[in-house]
Amino acid sequence: MIVPARCVQAAIDIRGDSDYLYEEVRDSLSQADLAVGTLNATISDYPPHTGCVPTYVLVGGSENADALARAGFDLMSVATNHIKNCGLTNCGDRAFFDTLDNLRRVGIHPVGAGKDLAEAMLPVVVEVNGVRFGFVSLGQIEPRAFATDDSPGIAVLNEENLRTAIAAARRVSDVVIVLPHWGPEEVSMPNWSQRQLARLAVAAGADLVVGNHTHVVQALEEIDGVMVFYGLGNFVFDQDWARDHQQGVILNVLFTGKRFMSYELIPTHVDGDGRVHLADAEEAAEVLARIAEASRSLP
């Protein structure tokens, strides 16, 4: 999960540069035919930056969109709980729309948000080597971020919407990838709701499910031949008060044509200023062992 806000944005402001965040993982990202991330902050120059202080208001400057593009990202899940943050200013939905506009400005496709629920539910289809990959993203965490029939926000994650979104993607895609923003923070085990929604997604036609929100790595499992990754942990954030919150994984997935072939988890470590590294051998083993243990513990 990518959160270029708070202490991360404060460090960017001091440096006058946001590219440092991704310097050490750029090669890993650029090797992908399609690089996908999850953004859980607004990217706008309208609200003031909060500085490096404890706050749940997560806002970053527009330069973060440029840094994401230069790092190699092609698509960003934005059905997240902080995507409508605007600080102490009363800007309505301005920062929200700025975020979508800034991503599009640099060539990154946002998925999971829009001017109303119908738009937020639309799949984003990207063709790679003749294969149409359809992405849908829905979130369940923050009702104030939810889109409605006549107000902007994120696609709302519930059973009916999930089925509808996957069906829409299935009609225009060869491969359907679901990016849910779900689950309680700070736990490595998915809860009952996550697992039920994962099963529903697979039954509805998803070819891959990759979740986020929990700030720590979570279990993975295979459901009827479809891989489900419940949470990839933090990628860029300032939560350096707990070691497991500084850890995450880059998920490499290999498709041959329309067929899922294999995956690889590449552990990462993020500093308090947001700079993300590939984890050293010892920490990588620790992260992978935690995922394996959580996965074995699934009932």
C-alpha atoms as a PDB file:
ATOM      1  CA  MET A   1       0.000   0.000   0.000  1.00  0.00           C
ATOM      2  CA  ILE A   2       1.280   3.445  -0.970  1.00  0.00           C
ATOM      3  CA  VAL A   3       0.695   6.376   1.398  1.00  0.00           C
ATOM      4  CA  PRO A   4       2.870   9.382   0.422  1.00  0.00           C
ATOM      5  CA  ALA A   5       1.601  11.544   3.287  1.00  0.00           C
ATOM      6  CA  ARG A   6       2.449  12.789   6.787  1.00  0.00           C
ATOM      7  CA  CYS A   7       6.150  12.205   7.491  1.00  0.00           C
ATOM      8  CA  VAL A   8       6.713  10.955   3.950  1.00  0.00           C
ATOM      9  CA  GLN A   9       5.400  14.178   2.424  1.00  0.00           C
ATOM     10  CA  ALA A  10       7.338  16.188   5.016  1.00  0.00           C
ATOM     11  CA  ALA A  11      10.543  14.473   3.869  1.00  0.00           C
ATOM     12  CA  ILE A  12       9.630  15.132   0.237  1.00  0.00           C
ATOM     13  CA  ASP A  13       9.105  18.817   1.049  1.00  0.00           C
ATOM     14  CA  ILE A  14      12.535  19.040   2.692  1.00  0.00           C
ATOM     15  CA  ARG A  15      14.293  17.226  -0.151  1.00  0.00           C
ATOM     16  CA  GLY A  16      12.351  18.841  -2.953  1.00  0.00           C
ATOM     17  CA  ASP A  17      12.228  15.404  -4.553  1.00  0.00           C
ATOM     18  CA  SER A  18       9.840  12.452  -4.450  1.00  0.00           C
ATOM     19  CA  ASP A  19      11.759  10.005  -6.648  1.00  0.00           C
ATOM     20  CA  TYR A  20      13.919   8.863  -3.733  1.00  0.00           C
ATOM     21  CA  LEU A  21      10.967   6.825  -2.446  1.00  0.00           C
ATOM     22  CA  TYR A  22      11.292   4.255  -5.235  1.00  0.00           C
ATOM     23  CA  GLU A  23      14.974   4.433  -6.228  1.00  0.00           C
ATOM     24  CA  GLU A  24      15.844   1.027  -4.813  1.00  0.00           C
ATOM     25  CA  VAL A  25      12.832  -0.837  -6.219  1.00  0.00           C
ATOM     26  CA  ARG A  26      12.523   0.862  -9.602  1.00  0.00           C
ATOM     27  CA  ASP A  27      14.302  -1.972 -11.397  1.00  0.00           C
ATOM     28  CA  SER A  28      11.936  -4.536  -9.882  1.00  0.00           C
ATOM     29  CA  LEU A  29       8.894  -2.508 -10.928  1.00  0.00           C
ATOM     30  CA  SER A  30      10.154  -1.711 -14.415  1.00  0.00           C
ATOM     31  CA  GLN A  31      10.589  -5.392 -15.258  1.00  0.00           C
ATOM     32  CA  ALA A  32       6.826  -5.888 -15.162  1.00  0.00           C
ATOM     33  CA  ASP A  33       4.717  -5.592 -18.305  1.00  0.00           C
ATOM     34  CA  LEU A  34       2.072  -4.044 -16.051  1.00  0.00           C
ATOM     35  CA  ALA A  35       2.743  -2.578 -12.592  1.00  0.00           C
ATOM     36  CA  VAL A  36      -0.202  -2.091 -10.229  1.00  0.00           C
ATOM     37  CA  GLY A  37      -0.333  -0.394  -6.822  1.00  0.00           C
ATOM     38  CA  THR A  38      -2.810   0.668  -4.141  1.00  0.00           C
ATOM     39  CA  LEU A  39      -2.931   4.370  -3.247  1.00  0.00           C
ATOM     40  CA  ASN A  40      -4.391   5.265   0.158  1.00  0.00           C
ATOM     41  CA  ALA A  41      -4.023   9.049   0.244  1.00  0.00           C
ATOM     42  CA  THR A  42      -5.049  12.044  -1.807  1.00  0.00           C
ATOM     43  CA  ILE A  43      -2.578  13.518  -4.285  1.00  0.00           C
ATOM     44  CA  SER A  44      -3.446  17.187  -4.570  1.00  0.00           C
ATOM     45  CA  ASP A  45      -1.823  20.593  -4.190  1.00  0.00           C
ATOM     46  CA  TYR A  46      -4.982  22.144  -2.752  1.00  0.00           C
ATOM     47  CA  PRO A  47      -5.030  20.953   0.886  1.00  0.00           C
ATOM     48  CA  PRO A  48      -2.064  22.004   3.040  1.00  0.00           C
ATOM     49  CA  HIS A  49       0.444  19.320   3.961  1.00  0.00           C
ATOM     50  CA  THR A  50       0.062  18.131   7.538  1.00  0.00           C
ATOM     51  CA  GLY A  51       3.760  17.841   8.330  1.00  0.00           C
ATOM     52  CA  CYS A  52       5.244  14.980  10.300  1.00  0.00           C
ATOM     53  CA  VAL A  53       2.568  14.816  12.996  1.00  0.00           C
ATOM     54  CA  PRO A  54       0.144  12.125  14.192  1.00  0.00           C
ATOM     55  CA  THR A  55      -3.009  12.504  12.110  1.00  0.00           C
ATOM     56  CA  TYR A  56      -5.416  10.347  10.160  1.00  0.00           C
ATOM     57  CA  VAL A  57      -5.542  12.969   7.406  1.00  0.00           C
ATOM     58  CA  LEU A  58      -3.377  11.581   4.620  1.00  0.00           C
ATOM     59  CA  VAL A  59      -2.618  14.102   1.875  1.00  0.00           C
ATOM     60  CA  GLY A  60       0.328  14.262  -0.507  1.00  0.00           C
ATOM     61  CA  GLY A  61       1.377  16.713  -3.199  1.00  0.00           C
ATOM     62  CA  SER A  62       0.810  16.252  -6.916  1.00  0.00           C
ATOM     63  CA  GLU A  63       4.497  15.474  -7.429  1.00  0.00           C
ATOM     64  CA  ASN A  64       3.754  12.025  -6.043  1.00  0.00           C
ATOM     65  CA  ALA A  65       1.836  11.129  -9.185  1.00  0.00           C
ATOM     66  CA  ASP A  66       4.894  11.961 -11.278  1.00  0.00           C
ATOM     67  CA  ALA A  67       7.103   9.867  -8.995  1.00  0.00           C
ATOM     68  CA  LEU A  68       4.735   6.906  -9.271  1.00  0.00           C
ATOM     69  CA  ALA A  69       4.827   7.128 -13.058  1.00  0.00           C
ATOM     70  CA  ARG A  70       8.615   7.380 -13.150  1.00  0.00           C
ATOM     71  CA  ALA A  71       8.808   4.388 -10.810  1.00  0.00           C
ATOM     72  CA  GLY A  72       6.959   2.388 -13.450  1.00  0.00           C
ATOM     73  CA  PHE A  73       3.371   2.148 -12.200  1.00  0.00           C
ATOM     74  CA  ASP A  74       0.658   1.755 -14.819  1.00  0.00           C
ATOM     75  CA  LEU A  75      -2.502   1.351 -12.740  1.00  0.00           C
ATOM     76  CA  MET A  76      -3.513   2.359  -9.232  1.00  0.00           C
ATOM     77  CA  SER A  77      -6.322   0.996  -7.071  1.00  0.00           C
ATOM     78  CA  VAL A  78      -7.979   3.980  -5.402  1.00  0.00           C
ATOM     79  CA  ALA A  79     -11.027   2.377  -3.726  1.00  0.00           C
ATOM     80  CA  THR A  80      -9.389   3.173  -0.407  1.00  0.00           C
ATOM     81  CA  ASN A  81     -10.451   4.755   2.856  1.00  0.00           C
ATOM     82  CA  HIS A  82      -8.282   7.907   2.707  1.00  0.00           C
ATOM     83  CA  ILE A  83      -8.899   8.801  -0.940  1.00  0.00           C
ATOM     84  CA  LYS A  84     -11.206  11.699   0.019  1.00  0.00           C
ATOM     85  CA  ASN A  85      -8.973  13.227   2.731  1.00  0.00           C
ATOM     86  CA  CYS A  86      -8.622  16.992   2.521  1.00  0.00           C
ATOM     87  CA  GLY A  87      -7.061  18.114   5.776  1.00  0.00           C
ATOM     88  CA  LEU A  88      -8.535  20.972   7.757  1.00  0.00           C
ATOM     89  CA  THR A  89      -9.707  22.794   4.646  1.00  0.00           C
ATOM     90  CA  ASN A  90     -13.303  22.493   3.554  1.00  0.00           C
ATOM     91  CA  CYS A  91     -12.655  21.548  -0.059  1.00  0.00           C
ATOM     92  CA  GLY A  92     -15.514  19.148  -0.614  1.00  0.00           C
ATOM     93  CA  ASP A  93     -14.422  16.630  -3.219  1.00  0.00           C
ATOM     94  CA  ARG A  94     -11.690  18.758  -4.770  1.00  0.00           C
ATOM     95  CA  ALA A  95      -8.721  16.732  -3.481  1.00  0.00           C
ATOM     96  CA  PHE A  96     -10.486  13.525  -4.492  1.00  0.00           C
ATOM     97  CA  PHE A  97     -10.930  14.642  -8.089  1.00  0.00           C
ATOM     98  CA  ASP A  98      -7.422  16.145  -8.113  1.00  0.00           C
ATOM     99  CA  THR A  99      -6.095  12.691  -7.221  1.00  0.00           C
ATOM    100  CA  LEU A 100      -7.832  11.019 -10.150  1.00  0.00           C
ATOM    101  CA  ASP A 101      -6.801  13.836 -12.499  1.00  0.00           C
ATOM    102  CA  ASN A 102      -3.169  13.760 -11.367  1.00  0.00           C
ATOM    103  CA  LEU A 103      -2.920  10.021 -11.913  1.00  0.00           C
ATOM    104  CA  ARG A 104      -4.416  10.307 -15.385  1.00  0.00           C
ATOM    105  CA  ARG A 105      -2.152  13.269 -16.165  1.00  0.00           C
ATOM    106  CA  VAL A 106       0.915  11.043 -15.814  1.00  0.00           C
ATOM    107  CA  GLY A 107      -0.608   8.072 -17.613  1.00  0.00           C
ATOM    108  CA  ILE A 108      -1.625   5.967 -14.595  1.00  0.00           C
ATOM    109  CA  HIS A 109      -5.100   4.419 -14.731  1.00  0.00           C
ATOM    110  CA  PRO A 110      -7.095   4.894 -11.501  1.00  0.00           C
ATOM    111  CA  VAL A 111      -9.605   2.146 -10.789  1.00  0.00           C
ATOM    112  CA  GLY A 112     -12.349   1.978  -8.177  1.00  0.00           C
ATOM    113  CA  ALA A 113     -13.500   5.603  -7.904  1.00  0.00           C
ATOM    114  CA  GLY A 114     -15.519   8.099  -9.890  1.00  0.00           C
ATOM    115  CA  LYS A 115     -18.098  10.853 -10.041  1.00  0.00           C
ATOM    116  CA  ASP A 116     -20.797   8.402  -8.914  1.00  0.00           C
ATOM    117  CA  LEU A 117     -21.161   4.735  -8.030  1.00  0.00           C
ATOM    118  CA  ALA A 118     -21.744   3.655 -11.621  1.00  0.00           C
ATOM    119  CA  GLU A 119     -18.459   5.208 -12.749  1.00  0.00           C
ATOM    120  CA  ALA A 120     -16.564   3.911  -9.710  1.00  0.00           C
ATOM    121  CA  MET A 121     -17.698   0.370 -10.505  1.00  0.00           C
ATOM    122  CA  LEU A 122     -16.406   0.421 -14.077  1.00  0.00           C
ATOM    123  CA  PRO A 123     -13.555  -1.947 -14.916  1.00  0.00           C
ATOM    124  CA  VAL A 124     -10.279  -0.637 -16.270  1.00  0.00           C
ATOM    125  CA  VAL A 125      -9.002  -2.793 -19.113  1.00  0.00           C
ATOM    126  CA  VAL A 126      -5.336  -2.795 -20.115  1.00  0.00           C
ATOM    127  CA  GLU A 127      -4.114  -4.896 -23.027  1.00  0.00           C
ATOM    128  CA  VAL A 128      -0.704  -6.540 -22.689  1.00  0.00           C
ATOM    129  CA  ASN A 129       0.704  -8.706 -25.469  1.00  0.00           C
ATOM    130  CA  GLY A 130      -2.758  -9.175 -26.917  1.00  0.00           C
ATOM    131  CA  VAL A 131      -4.375 -10.181 -23.606  1.00  0.00           C
ATOM    132  CA  ARG A 132      -7.036  -7.929 -22.059  1.00  0.00           C
ATOM    133  CA  PHE A 133      -6.541  -7.594 -18.294  1.00  0.00           C
ATOM    134  CA  GLY A 134      -9.631  -6.201 -16.592  1.00  0.00           C
ATOM    135  CA  PHE A 135      -9.295  -4.663 -13.131  1.00  0.00           C
ATOM    136  CA  VAL A 136     -12.003  -3.825 -10.617  1.00  0.00           C
ATOM    137  CA  SER A 137     -11.436  -2.299  -7.190  1.00  0.00           C
ATOM    138  CA  LEU A 138     -13.931  -1.938  -4.345  1.00  0.00           C
ATOM    139  CA  GLY A 139     -13.533  -0.836  -0.712  1.00  0.00           C
ATOM    140  CA  GLN A 140     -15.435  -1.504   2.506  1.00  0.00           C
ATOM    141  CA  ILE A 141     -13.609   0.524   5.164  1.00  0.00           C
ATOM    142  CA  GLU A 142     -14.784   4.165   5.209  1.00  0.00           C
ATOM    143  CA  PRO A 143     -18.456   4.992   4.510  1.00  0.00           C
ATOM    144  CA  ARG A 144     -17.608   8.676   4.063  1.00  0.00           C
ATOM    145  CA  ALA A 145     -15.583   7.683   0.997  1.00  0.00           C
ATOM    146  CA  PHE A 146     -18.385   5.635  -0.569  1.00  0.00           C
ATOM    147  CA  ALA A 147     -19.851   6.740  -3.878  1.00  0.00           C
ATOM    148  CA  THR A 148     -23.620   6.834  -4.295  1.00  0.00           C
ATOM    149  CA  ASP A 149     -25.900   7.068  -7.300  1.00  0.00           C
ATOM    150  CA  ASP A 150     -25.450  10.836  -7.309  1.00  0.00           C
ATOM    151  CA  SER A 151     -22.257  11.578  -5.352  1.00  0.00           C
ATOM    152  CA  PRO A 152     -18.561  10.860  -5.979  1.00  0.00           C
ATOM    153  CA  GLY A 153     -16.397   8.370  -4.159  1.00  0.00           C
ATOM    154  CA  ILE A 154     -15.240   4.779  -4.260  1.00  0.00           C
ATOM    155  CA  ALA A 155     -16.931   1.584  -5.378  1.00  0.00           C
ATOM    156  CA  VAL A 156     -18.541   0.017  -2.309  1.00  0.00           C
ATOM    157  CA  LEU A 157     -17.432  -3.521  -1.512  1.00  0.00           C
ATOM    158  CA  ASN A 158     -20.426  -5.731  -0.818  1.00  0.00           C
ATOM    159  CA  GLU A 159     -21.591  -9.001  -2.319  1.00  0.00           C
ATOM    160  CA  GLU A 160     -23.963  -7.530  -4.895  1.00  0.00           C
ATOM    161  CA  ASN A 161     -21.507  -4.901  -6.128  1.00  0.00           C
ATOM    162  CA  LEU A 162     -18.674  -7.407  -6.277  1.00  0.00           C
ATOM    163  CA  ARG A 163     -20.688  -9.750  -8.491  1.00  0.00           C
ATOM    164  CA  THR A 164     -21.773  -6.853 -10.702  1.00  0.00           C
ATOM    165  CA  ALA A 165     -18.249  -5.465 -11.091  1.00  0.00           C
ATOM    166  CA  ILE A 166     -16.733  -8.845 -11.946  1.00  0.00           C
ATOM    167  CA  ALA A 167     -19.489  -9.582 -14.468  1.00  0.00           C
ATOM    168  CA  ALA A 168     -18.871  -6.228 -16.164  1.00  0.00           C
ATOM    169  CA  ALA A 169     -15.136  -6.903 -16.333  1.00  0.00           C
ATOM    170  CA  ARG A 170     -15.690 -10.442 -17.582  1.00  0.00           C
ATOM    171  CA  ARG A 171     -17.627  -9.145 -20.598  1.00  0.00           C
ATOM    172  CA  VAL A 172     -14.714  -7.017 -21.844  1.00  0.00           C
ATOM    173  CA  SER A 173     -11.635  -8.860 -20.517  1.00  0.00           C
ATOM    174  CA  ASP A 174      -9.709 -12.074 -20.946  1.00  0.00           C
ATOM    175  CA  VAL A 175      -8.375 -11.988 -17.372  1.00  0.00           C
ATOM    176  CA  VAL A 176     -10.248 -10.426 -14.427  1.00  0.00           C
ATOM    177  CA  ILE A 177      -8.250  -9.168 -11.443  1.00  0.00           C
ATOM    178  CA  VAL A 178     -10.034  -7.988  -8.298  1.00  0.00           C
ATOM    179  CA  LEU A 179      -8.375  -5.459  -5.971  1.00  0.00           C
ATOM    180  CA  PRO A 180     -10.419  -5.259  -2.734  1.00  0.00           C
ATOM    181  CA  HIS A 181      -9.628  -2.816   0.071  1.00  0.00           C
ATOM    182  CA  TRP A 182     -10.783  -4.758   3.097  1.00  0.00           C
ATOM    183  CA  GLY A 183     -10.194  -6.229   6.525  1.00  0.00           C
ATOM    184  CA  PRO A 184      -9.091  -4.994   9.960  1.00  0.00           C
ATOM    185  CA  GLU A 185      -5.716  -3.348  10.396  1.00  0.00           C
ATOM    186  CA  GLU A 186      -2.657  -4.919  11.999  1.00  0.00           C
ATOM    187  CA  VAL A 187      -3.622  -8.593  11.814  1.00  0.00           C
ATOM    188  CA  SER A 188      -2.061 -11.241   9.600  1.00  0.00           C
ATOM    189  CA  MET A 189      -5.183 -13.399   9.424  1.00  0.00           C
ATOM    190  CA  PRO A 190      -8.067 -12.421   7.128  1.00  0.00           C
ATOM    191  CA  ASN A 191     -11.411 -12.192   8.850  1.00  0.00           C
ATOM    192  CA  TRP A 192     -14.621 -14.018   7.969  1.00  0.00           C
ATOM    193  CA  SER A 193     -15.840 -11.225   5.698  1.00  0.00           C
ATOM    194  CA  GLN A 194     -12.640 -11.182   3.642  1.00  0.00           C
ATOM    195  CA  ARG A 195     -12.745 -14.922   3.111  1.00  0.00           C
ATOM    196  CA  GLN A 196     -16.420 -14.933   2.167  1.00  0.00           C
ATOM    197  CA  LEU A 197     -15.881 -12.119  -0.325  1.00  0.00           C
ATOM    198  CA  ALA A 198     -12.853 -13.921  -1.751  1.00  0.00           C
ATOM    199  CA  ARG A 199     -14.912 -17.060  -2.327  1.00  0.00           C
ATOM    200  CA  LEU A 200     -17.658 -15.004  -3.916  1.00  0.00           C
ATOM    201  CA  ALA A 201     -15.142 -13.252  -6.198  1.00  0.00           C
ATOM    202  CA  VAL A 202     -13.777 -16.572  -7.409  1.00  0.00           C
ATOM    203  CA  ALA A 203     -17.255 -18.003  -7.953  1.00  0.00           C
ATOM    204  CA  ALA A 204     -18.209 -14.860  -9.890  1.00  0.00           C
ATOM    205  CA  GLY A 205     -15.308 -15.278 -12.303  1.00  0.00           C
ATOM    206  CA  ALA A 206     -12.209 -13.606 -10.858  1.00  0.00           C
ATOM    207  CA  ASP A 207      -8.879 -14.977 -12.084  1.00  0.00           C
ATOM    208  CA  LEU A 208      -6.828 -13.330  -9.319  1.00  0.00           C
ATOM    209  CA  VAL A 209      -7.658 -11.502  -6.070  1.00  0.00           C
ATOM    210  CA  VAL A 210      -5.122  -9.129  -4.498  1.00  0.00           C
ATOM    211  CA  GLY A 211      -6.267  -7.305  -1.360  1.00  0.00           C
ATOM    212  CA  ASN A 212      -4.876  -4.550   0.815  1.00  0.00           C
ATOM    213  CA  HIS A 213      -5.552  -2.202   3.758  1.00  0.00           C
ATOM    214  CA  THR A 214      -4.260  -4.059   6.815  1.00  0.00           C
ATOM    215  CA  HIS A 215      -0.766  -2.415   6.875  1.00  0.00           C
ATOM    216  CA  VAL A 216       0.806  -5.831   7.535  1.00  0.00           C
ATOM    217  CA  VAL A 217       1.240  -8.847   5.276  1.00  0.00           C
ATOM    218  CA  GLN A 218      -1.601 -11.326   5.431  1.00  0.00           C
ATOM    219  CA  ALA A 219      -2.232 -14.936   4.503  1.00  0.00           C
ATOM    220  CA  LEU A 220      -2.716 -16.238   0.993  1.00  0.00           C
ATOM    221  CA  GLU A 221      -4.697 -19.204  -0.269  1.00  0.00           C
ATOM    222  CA  GLU A 222      -5.898 -20.933  -3.407  1.00  0.00           C
ATOM    223  CA  ILE A 223      -9.658 -21.160  -3.912  1.00  0.00           C
ATOM    224  CA  ASP A 224     -10.855 -23.427  -6.715  1.00  0.00           C
ATOM    225  CA  GLY A 225      -7.627 -22.876  -8.620  1.00  0.00           C
ATOM    226  CA  VAL A 226      -7.563 -19.082  -8.124  1.00  0.00           C
ATOM    227  CA  MET A 227      -4.916 -17.396  -5.971  1.00  0.00           C
ATOM    228  CA  VAL A 228      -6.085 -14.975  -3.290  1.00  0.00           C
ATOM    229  CA  PHE A 229      -3.596 -12.656  -1.588  1.00  0.00           C
ATOM    230  CA  TYR A 230      -5.370 -11.052   1.366  1.00  0.00           C
ATOM    231  CA  GLY A 231      -2.869  -8.267   2.063  1.00  0.00           C
ATOM    232  CA  LEU A 232       0.563  -7.216   0.799  1.00  0.00           C
ATOM    233  CA  GLY A 233       1.490  -4.928   3.708  1.00  0.00           C
ATOM    234  CA  ASN A 234       2.932  -1.419   3.540  1.00  0.00           C
ATOM    235  CA  PHE A 235       5.011  -0.356   0.546  1.00  0.00           C
ATOM    236  CA  VAL A 236       5.392   3.399   1.148  1.00  0.00           C
ATOM    237  CA  PHE A 237       4.246   4.794   4.513  1.00  0.00           C
ATOM    238  CA  ASP A 238       5.735   6.313   7.663  1.00  0.00           C
ATOM    239  CA  GLN A 239       4.625   3.660  10.190  1.00  0.00           C
ATOM    240  CA  ASP A 240       8.112   3.005  11.564  1.00  0.00           C
ATOM    241  CA  TRP A 241       6.842   2.405  15.097  1.00  0.00           C
ATOM    242  CA  ALA A 242       6.411  -1.329  14.434  1.00  0.00           C
ATOM    243  CA  ARG A 243       8.706  -3.570  12.402  1.00  0.00           C
ATOM    244  CA  ASP A 244       5.880  -5.525  10.790  1.00  0.00           C
ATOM    245  CA  HIS A 245       4.360  -2.223   9.596  1.00  0.00           C
ATOM    246  CA  GLN A 246       7.602  -1.461   7.760  1.00  0.00           C
ATOM    247  CA  GLN A 247       7.362  -4.682   5.811  1.00  0.00           C
ATOM    248  CA  GLY A 248       5.507  -5.649   2.679  1.00  0.00           C
ATOM    249  CA  VAL A 249       5.870  -7.648  -0.494  1.00  0.00           C
ATOM    250  CA  ILE A 250       6.000  -6.956  -4.193  1.00  0.00           C
ATOM    251  CA  LEU A 251       3.804  -9.577  -5.837  1.00  0.00           C
ATOM    252  CA  ASN A 252       5.087 -10.768  -9.210  1.00  0.00           C
ATOM    253  CA  VAL A 253       2.500 -12.728 -11.166  1.00  0.00           C
ATOM    254  CA  LEU A 254       3.214 -14.564 -14.410  1.00  0.00           C
ATOM    255  CA  PHE A 255       0.491 -15.119 -16.989  1.00  0.00           C
ATOM    256  CA  THR A 256       1.058 -17.025 -20.205  1.00  0.00           C
ATOM    257  CA  GLY A 257      -1.667 -15.730 -22.441  1.00  0.00           C
ATOM    258  CA  LYS A 258      -4.840 -15.873 -20.366  1.00  0.00           C
ATOM    259  CA  ARG A 259      -3.493 -18.521 -18.021  1.00  0.00           C
ATOM    260  CA  PHE A 260      -2.130 -17.836 -14.536  1.00  0.00           C
ATOM    261  CA  MET A 261       1.178 -19.679 -14.273  1.00  0.00           C
ATOM    262  CA  SER A 262       3.041 -18.693 -11.106  1.00  0.00           C
ATOM    263  CA  TYR A 263       3.753 -16.005  -8.539  1.00  0.00           C
ATOM    264  CA  GLU A 264       6.707 -14.692  -6.553  1.00  0.00           C
ATOM    265  CA  LEU A 265       6.711 -12.649  -3.347  1.00  0.00           C
ATOM    266  CA  ILE A 266       9.567 -10.141  -3.012  1.00  0.00           C
ATOM    267  CA  PRO A 267       9.760  -8.783   0.569  1.00  0.00           C
ATOM    268  CA  THR A 268      10.369  -5.078   1.106  1.00  0.00           C
ATOM    269  CA  HIS A 269      11.220  -2.747   3.992  1.00  0.00           C
ATOM    270  CA  VAL A 270      10.200   0.908   4.171  1.00  0.00           C
ATOM    271  CA  ASP A 271      11.959   3.596   6.226  1.00  0.00           C
ATOM    272  CA  GLY A 272      10.142   6.278   8.192  1.00  0.00           C
ATOM    273  CA  ASP A 273      10.680   8.789   5.376  1.00  0.00           C
ATOM    274  CA  GLY A 274       8.975   6.440   2.922  1.00  0.00           C
ATOM    275  CA  ARG A 275      12.037   5.112   1.115  1.00  0.00           C
ATOM    276  CA  VAL A 276      11.348   1.486   0.214  1.00  0.00           C
ATOM    277  CA  HIS A 277      14.111  -1.119  -0.074  1.00  0.00           C
ATOM    278  CA  LEU A 278      14.257  -4.747  -1.039  1.00  0.00           C
ATOM    279  CA  ALA A 279      14.506  -6.559   2.293  1.00  0.00           C
ATOM    280  CA  ASP A 280      17.822  -8.175   3.176  1.00  0.00           C
ATOM    281  CA  ALA A 281      17.985 -11.971   3.331  1.00  0.00           C
ATOM    282  CA  GLU A 282      17.222 -12.204   7.047  1.00  0.00           C
ATOM    283  CA  GLU A 283      14.228  -9.878   6.950  1.00  0.00           C
ATOM    284  CA  ALA A 284      12.946 -11.419   3.718  1.00  0.00           C
ATOM    285  CA  ALA A 285      12.918 -14.838   5.359  1.00  0.00           C
ATOM    286  CA  GLU A 286      11.058 -13.361   8.341  1.00  0.00           C
ATOM    287  CA  VAL A 287       8.347 -11.831   6.132  1.00  0.00           C
ATOM    288  CA  LEU A 288       7.868 -14.958   4.039  1.00  0.00           C
ATOM    289  CA  ALA A 289       7.719 -17.121   7.159  1.00  0.00           C
ATOM    290  CA  ARG A 290       4.985 -14.918   8.624  1.00  0.00           C
ATOM    291  CA  ILE A 291       2.921 -15.218   5.447  1.00  0.00           C
ATOM    292  CA  ALA A 292       3.454 -18.982   5.350  1.00  0.00           C
ATOM    293  CA  GLU A 293       2.447 -19.401   8.993  1.00  0.00           C
ATOM    294  CA  ALA A 294      -0.694 -17.306   8.548  1.00  0.00           C
ATOM    295  CA  SER A 295      -1.586 -19.255   5.418  1.00  0.00           C
ATOM    296  CA  ARG A 296      -1.138 -22.611   7.151  1.00  0.00           C
ATOM    297  CA  SER A 297      -3.363 -21.407   9.980  1.00  0.00           C
ATOM    298  CA  LEU A 298      -6.362 -20.703   7.762  1.00  0.00           C
ATOM    299  CA  PRO A 299      -9.214 -23.002   8.799  1.00  0.00           C
END
